[in-house]
Amino acid sequence: MEEFNQQRVKRPKVRFEDIIRFEDHDYVVVSKPAFLSTLEDRHERVNLLALAREYTPDAQACHRLDKDTSGVLAIAKHPEAYRHLSIQFEKRQVEKVYHAVVDGIHNFSNLLVDAPILKQNDGVVKISRREGKDAQTYFTSLRSYRLHTLMECRPVTGRMHQIRIHLASQGASITGDDTYGGKPFLLSELKRGFNLKKGTEEETFMKRMALHAFSLEFEDLSGKRLKIEAPYPKDMQALIRQLEMNS
C-alpha cells in the first residue's frame, strides 16, 4: 500500500510564509504539510528545515514529525531559543496533542499506554519490555463513527512512531497506516450504494495515514506559556466529512 500511495501522491509545493501559525523574535511555528520531510531526506530535494532556513538563516527544528504526518511544528530562530525549547522537551514540559482516525470503535477515556519501544534496523519499531526505551501515551476517544473512531493522542515521551505503535497495541491502528496494521480508507466499505466504474480499481480516499499534530504548548523565553494549534488539512477534513455523512 505504501508503494501504491507514493506513486499517486503529488509532493506539496510549499510557500513557507503560508504555513506559519505563530511567530515572534525567537520562534516560528508552522503547520507542516503531509509528504514533506522535517529534516534532510536523501529521497527528496525539498524539506521543511531547508525552507525555514531560506526564511530565517539560523533556523533549527525543535522536534520532528513523520513525513506523512501533518500538523504543528516549532522552529527556533537562534541557538538560545533552540536550547530553551530542547530542555523543555527533555524535561517533558511540552504538551503535544495529536488527532488520529483509527480503525474500529473504541471508547478510551484518558487511557494510558505505558509500553517501551525498540527501534529496529528496518526503520520500524516494536514494543519490547526487555530492550525498549520507556514510552507513554494517553488516548481519549473524541467521536465514534460506524467503522472508525476519532482519537485524541497525548504523548508524554517522544519516541519514533510512538503514537502509531501504541494505538496498534490496543487494536486501534491508525487508518491508512499499513506499517502498523491500519487499513486503507475505501469509500466502498463505508458508503451505501457506492458504484465503481467498470474496469477501474478503487483508490484509497486518503493517500496517507490519518494522523495530525493538532496543538503544541510550551514556554517562550520570557516565561509565557504559548499554545499553537494547526487546523486539519484538506484531506483530513474530507475524511472526517465522509465519516460523518456515512455514520
Protein backbone atom coordinates (compact mmCIF):
# COMPACT_ATOMS: atom_id res chain seq x y z
CA MET A 1 0.00 0.00 0.00
CA GLU A 2 2.85 2.42 0.76
CA GLU A 3 4.24 1.97 -2.75
CA PHE A 4 0.73 2.38 -4.15
CA ASN A 5 0.31 5.68 -2.33
CA GLN A 6 3.73 7.05 -3.23
CA GLN A 7 3.03 6.63 -6.93
CA ARG A 8 -0.07 8.82 -6.78
CA VAL A 9 0.97 11.47 -4.28
CA LYS A 10 1.92 14.91 -5.55
CA ARG A 11 4.64 16.46 -3.44
CA PRO A 12 3.40 19.68 -1.84
CA LYS A 13 4.56 22.98 -3.30
CA VAL A 14 5.10 24.94 -0.13
CA ARG A 15 5.49 28.67 0.36
CA PHE A 16 6.90 28.90 3.87
CA GLU A 17 5.08 32.11 4.75
CA ASP A 18 1.74 30.42 4.00
CA ILE A 19 2.16 27.71 6.65
CA ILE A 20 3.16 29.96 9.58
CA ARG A 21 0.79 29.72 12.56
CA PHE A 22 2.79 31.82 15.04
CA GLU A 23 5.95 33.93 15.00
CA ASP A 24 7.95 36.07 17.41
CA HIS A 25 11.63 37.04 17.74
CA ASP A 26 12.60 33.54 18.89
CA TYR A 27 10.30 31.00 17.23
CA VAL A 28 8.28 30.38 14.11
CA VAL A 29 5.64 27.69 14.47
CA VAL A 30 4.23 26.18 11.30
CA SER A 31 1.60 23.74 10.11
CA LYS A 32 3.70 21.15 8.29
CA PRO A 33 2.01 19.68 5.21
CA ALA A 34 1.94 15.92 4.79
CA PHE A 35 4.51 14.36 2.42
CA LEU A 36 7.14 16.93 3.41
CA SER A 37 10.11 15.70 5.46
CA THR A 38 11.03 17.73 8.53
CA LEU A 39 14.78 17.30 8.02
CA GLU A 40 17.00 16.32 5.10
CA ASP A 41 15.75 13.29 3.19
CA ARG A 42 18.03 11.57 0.69
CA HIS A 43 14.99 10.80 -1.47
CA GLU A 44 13.65 14.37 -1.57
CA ARG A 45 15.24 17.67 -2.59
CA VAL A 46 12.88 19.83 -0.53
CA ASN A 47 12.41 19.59 3.23
CA LEU A 48 10.87 21.82 5.89
CA LEU A 49 14.15 22.83 7.53
CA ALA A 50 15.62 23.97 4.21
CA LEU A 51 12.54 26.12 3.57
CA ALA A 52 12.79 27.53 7.09
CA ARG A 53 16.44 28.50 6.57
CA GLU A 54 15.53 30.45 3.45
CA TYR A 55 13.14 32.40 5.70
CA THR A 56 15.41 32.72 8.76
CA PRO A 57 19.04 31.57 8.23
CA ASP A 58 19.76 30.10 11.70
CA ALA A 59 16.57 28.02 11.87
CA GLN A 60 16.64 24.73 13.74
CA ALA A 61 13.73 22.27 14.00
CA CYS A 62 13.00 21.73 17.71
CA HIS A 63 11.33 18.36 17.07
CA ARG A 64 10.13 16.41 14.07
CA LEU A 65 7.04 14.85 12.55
CA ASP A 66 6.90 11.77 10.35
CA LYS A 67 6.89 12.65 6.67
CA ASP A 68 3.25 11.56 6.23
CA THR A 69 2.07 13.34 9.39
CA SER A 70 0.68 16.87 9.09
CA GLY A 71 0.47 19.49 11.78
CA VAL A 72 2.07 21.93 14.18
CA LEU A 73 5.87 22.06 14.44
CA ALA A 74 8.15 24.54 16.23
CA ILE A 75 11.29 26.01 14.68
CA ALA A 76 13.82 28.06 16.67
CA LYS A 77 15.28 31.17 15.05
CA HIS A 78 18.53 31.15 17.03
CA PRO A 79 20.59 28.78 19.24
CA GLU A 80 19.34 30.15 22.58
CA ALA A 81 15.73 29.58 21.57
CA TYR A 82 16.57 26.07 20.36
CA ARG A 83 18.27 25.22 23.66
CA HIS A 84 15.37 26.69 25.68
CA LEU A 85 12.76 24.51 23.97
CA SER A 86 15.02 21.44 23.78
CA ILE A 87 15.31 21.50 27.58
CA GLN A 88 11.52 21.62 27.87
CA PHE A 89 11.22 18.58 25.59
CA GLU A 90 13.87 16.78 27.64
CA LYS A 91 12.03 17.55 30.89
CA ARG A 92 8.69 16.59 29.28
CA GLN A 93 7.23 20.05 29.85
CA VAL A 94 5.95 20.43 26.27
CA GLU A 95 2.31 19.43 25.77
CA LYS A 96 1.60 17.82 22.39
CA VAL A 97 -1.85 16.85 21.18
CA TYR A 98 -2.42 14.75 18.07
CA HIS A 99 -5.67 13.71 16.43
CA ALA A 100 -5.98 10.41 14.60
CA VAL A 101 -8.72 8.47 12.85
CA VAL A 102 -8.37 4.83 13.84
CA ASP A 103 -9.94 1.62 12.60
CA GLY A 104 -12.83 0.26 14.66
CA ILE A 105 -14.96 1.55 17.53
CA HIS A 106 -13.06 2.33 20.72
CA ASN A 107 -14.11 4.02 23.93
CA PHE A 108 -10.90 5.24 25.54
CA SER A 109 -11.07 7.80 28.35
CA ASN A 110 -7.60 9.09 29.22
CA LEU A 111 -6.23 5.58 28.67
CA LEU A 112 -2.51 5.39 29.49
CA VAL A 113 -0.44 3.08 27.31
CA ASP A 114 2.90 2.57 29.03
CA ALA A 115 4.86 0.32 26.68
CA PRO A 116 8.62 0.52 25.93
CA ILE A 117 9.58 0.97 22.28
CA LEU A 118 12.53 -0.56 20.45
CA LYS A 119 13.68 0.90 17.12
CA GLN A 120 14.66 -1.84 14.68
CA ASN A 121 17.17 -1.84 11.85
CA ASP A 122 14.43 -1.89 9.20
CA GLY A 123 13.14 1.55 10.19
CA VAL A 124 10.07 0.37 12.13
CA VAL A 125 9.55 -0.08 15.85
CA LYS A 126 8.15 -2.73 18.14
CA ILE A 127 7.13 -2.91 21.78
CA SER A 128 9.86 -4.59 23.82
CA ARG A 129 9.66 -4.80 27.61
CA ARG A 130 13.26 -6.03 27.79
CA GLU A 131 15.11 -3.79 25.32
CA GLY A 132 12.79 -0.88 24.59
CA LYS A 133 13.01 2.71 25.81
CA ASP A 134 10.22 3.92 28.09
CA ALA A 135 7.24 5.41 26.26
CA GLN A 136 3.87 6.65 27.48
CA THR A 137 0.84 7.99 25.62
CA TYR A 138 -2.65 8.95 26.79
CA PHE A 139 -5.62 8.28 24.49
CA THR A 140 -9.17 9.67 24.60
CA SER A 141 -11.93 8.90 22.10
CA LEU A 142 -13.41 12.12 20.72
CA ARG A 143 -16.11 10.69 18.46
CA SER A 144 -17.16 7.28 17.20
CA TYR A 145 -18.44 6.65 13.69
CA ARG A 146 -19.79 3.49 12.07
CA LEU A 147 -16.42 1.83 11.47
CA HIS A 148 -13.91 4.33 12.86
CA THR A 149 -13.07 6.50 15.87
CA LEU A 150 -11.57 9.99 16.06
CA MET A 151 -8.91 9.81 18.76
CA GLU A 152 -7.04 12.38 20.82
CA CYS A 153 -3.44 11.32 21.50
CA ARG A 154 -1.21 12.95 24.13
CA PRO A 155 2.33 11.56 24.05
CA VAL A 156 4.37 12.05 27.21
CA THR A 157 7.60 10.85 25.64
CA GLY A 158 8.72 11.38 22.04
CA ARG A 159 9.83 8.02 20.68
CA MET A 160 9.85 7.19 16.99
CA HIS A 161 6.40 6.07 15.75
CA GLN A 162 5.19 6.12 19.36
CA ILE A 163 1.54 7.01 18.78
CA ARG A 164 1.30 4.59 15.87
CA ILE A 165 2.63 1.54 17.70
CA HIS A 166 0.81 2.33 20.94
CA LEU A 167 -2.53 2.58 19.14
CA ALA A 168 -1.80 -0.63 17.23
CA SER A 169 -1.07 -2.37 20.54
CA GLN A 170 -4.65 -1.55 21.60
CA GLY A 171 -6.20 -2.92 18.42
CA ALA A 172 -6.79 0.63 17.19
CA SER A 173 -4.37 1.06 14.30
CA ILE A 174 -4.42 4.42 12.53
CA THR A 175 -6.45 4.33 9.34
CA GLY A 176 -4.10 4.10 6.36
CA ASP A 177 -1.05 3.17 8.46
CA ASP A 178 -0.25 -0.14 6.77
CA THR A 179 3.10 -0.36 8.59
CA TYR A 180 1.30 -0.94 11.89
CA GLY A 181 -1.84 -2.73 10.78
CA GLY A 182 -4.02 0.16 9.59
CA LYS A 183 -6.49 -0.46 6.78
CA PRO A 184 -6.84 1.80 3.72
CA PHE A 185 -9.90 4.03 3.75
CA LEU A 186 -12.15 2.84 0.93
CA LEU A 187 -15.47 4.57 0.25
CA SER A 188 -16.93 1.28 -0.99
CA GLU A 189 -16.71 -0.13 2.55
CA LEU A 190 -18.46 2.85 4.07
CA LYS A 191 -20.77 4.43 1.52
CA ARG A 192 -24.03 2.69 0.81
CA GLY A 193 -24.74 2.28 -2.90
CA PHE A 194 -21.15 3.07 -3.87
CA ASN A 195 -20.52 2.28 -7.53
CA LEU A 196 -17.11 1.91 -9.13
CA LYS A 197 -16.76 2.41 -12.87
CA LYS A 198 -16.29 -0.85 -14.71
CA GLY A 199 -12.66 -1.67 -15.41
CA THR A 200 -11.29 0.74 -12.78
CA GLU A 201 -9.59 -0.01 -9.48
CA GLU A 202 -10.70 1.83 -6.36
CA GLU A 203 -8.07 4.12 -4.88
CA THR A 204 -7.71 4.91 -1.21
CA PHE A 205 -9.66 8.04 -0.25
CA MET A 206 -6.77 9.45 1.80
CA LYS A 207 -3.27 8.87 0.47
CA ARG A 208 -1.60 8.70 3.88
CA MET A 209 -2.24 7.68 7.46
CA ALA A 210 -4.85 9.78 9.26
CA LEU A 211 -2.58 11.39 11.86
CA HIS A 212 -2.36 15.13 12.54
CA ALA A 213 -0.39 17.11 15.14
CA PHE A 214 -3.19 19.34 16.38
CA SER A 215 -1.56 21.53 19.04
CA LEU A 216 1.71 22.33 20.77
CA GLU A 217 2.12 24.12 24.10
CA PHE A 218 5.43 25.37 25.51
CA GLU A 219 7.06 28.24 27.40
CA ASP A 220 8.74 31.08 25.49
CA LEU A 221 11.96 32.77 26.60
CA SER A 222 10.07 35.29 28.73
CA GLY A 223 8.29 32.53 30.67
CA LYS A 224 4.94 32.98 28.91
CA ARG A 225 3.08 29.80 28.05
CA LEU A 226 2.21 29.54 24.34
CA LYS A 227 -0.35 27.22 22.76
CA ILE A 228 -0.48 26.98 18.97
CA GLU A 229 -2.99 24.93 17.01
CA ALA A 230 -2.96 23.73 13.41
CA PRO A 231 -6.33 23.13 11.71
CA TYR A 232 -6.93 19.90 9.83
CA PRO A 233 -5.58 19.91 6.28
CA LYS A 234 -7.99 19.33 3.40
CA ASP A 235 -7.51 15.56 3.20
CA MET A 236 -8.24 15.06 6.91
CA GLN A 237 -11.24 17.38 6.70
CA ALA A 238 -12.59 15.39 3.75
CA LEU A 239 -12.07 12.08 5.55
CA ILE A 240 -13.97 13.21 8.65
CA ARG A 241 -16.73 14.68 6.49
CA GLN A 242 -17.20 11.27 4.83
CA LEU A 243 -17.27 9.55 8.23
CA GLU A 244 -19.95 11.97 9.45
CA MET A 245 -22.03 11.62 6.29
CA ASN A 246 -21.97 7.82 6.33
CA SER A 247 -22.38 7.04 10.01
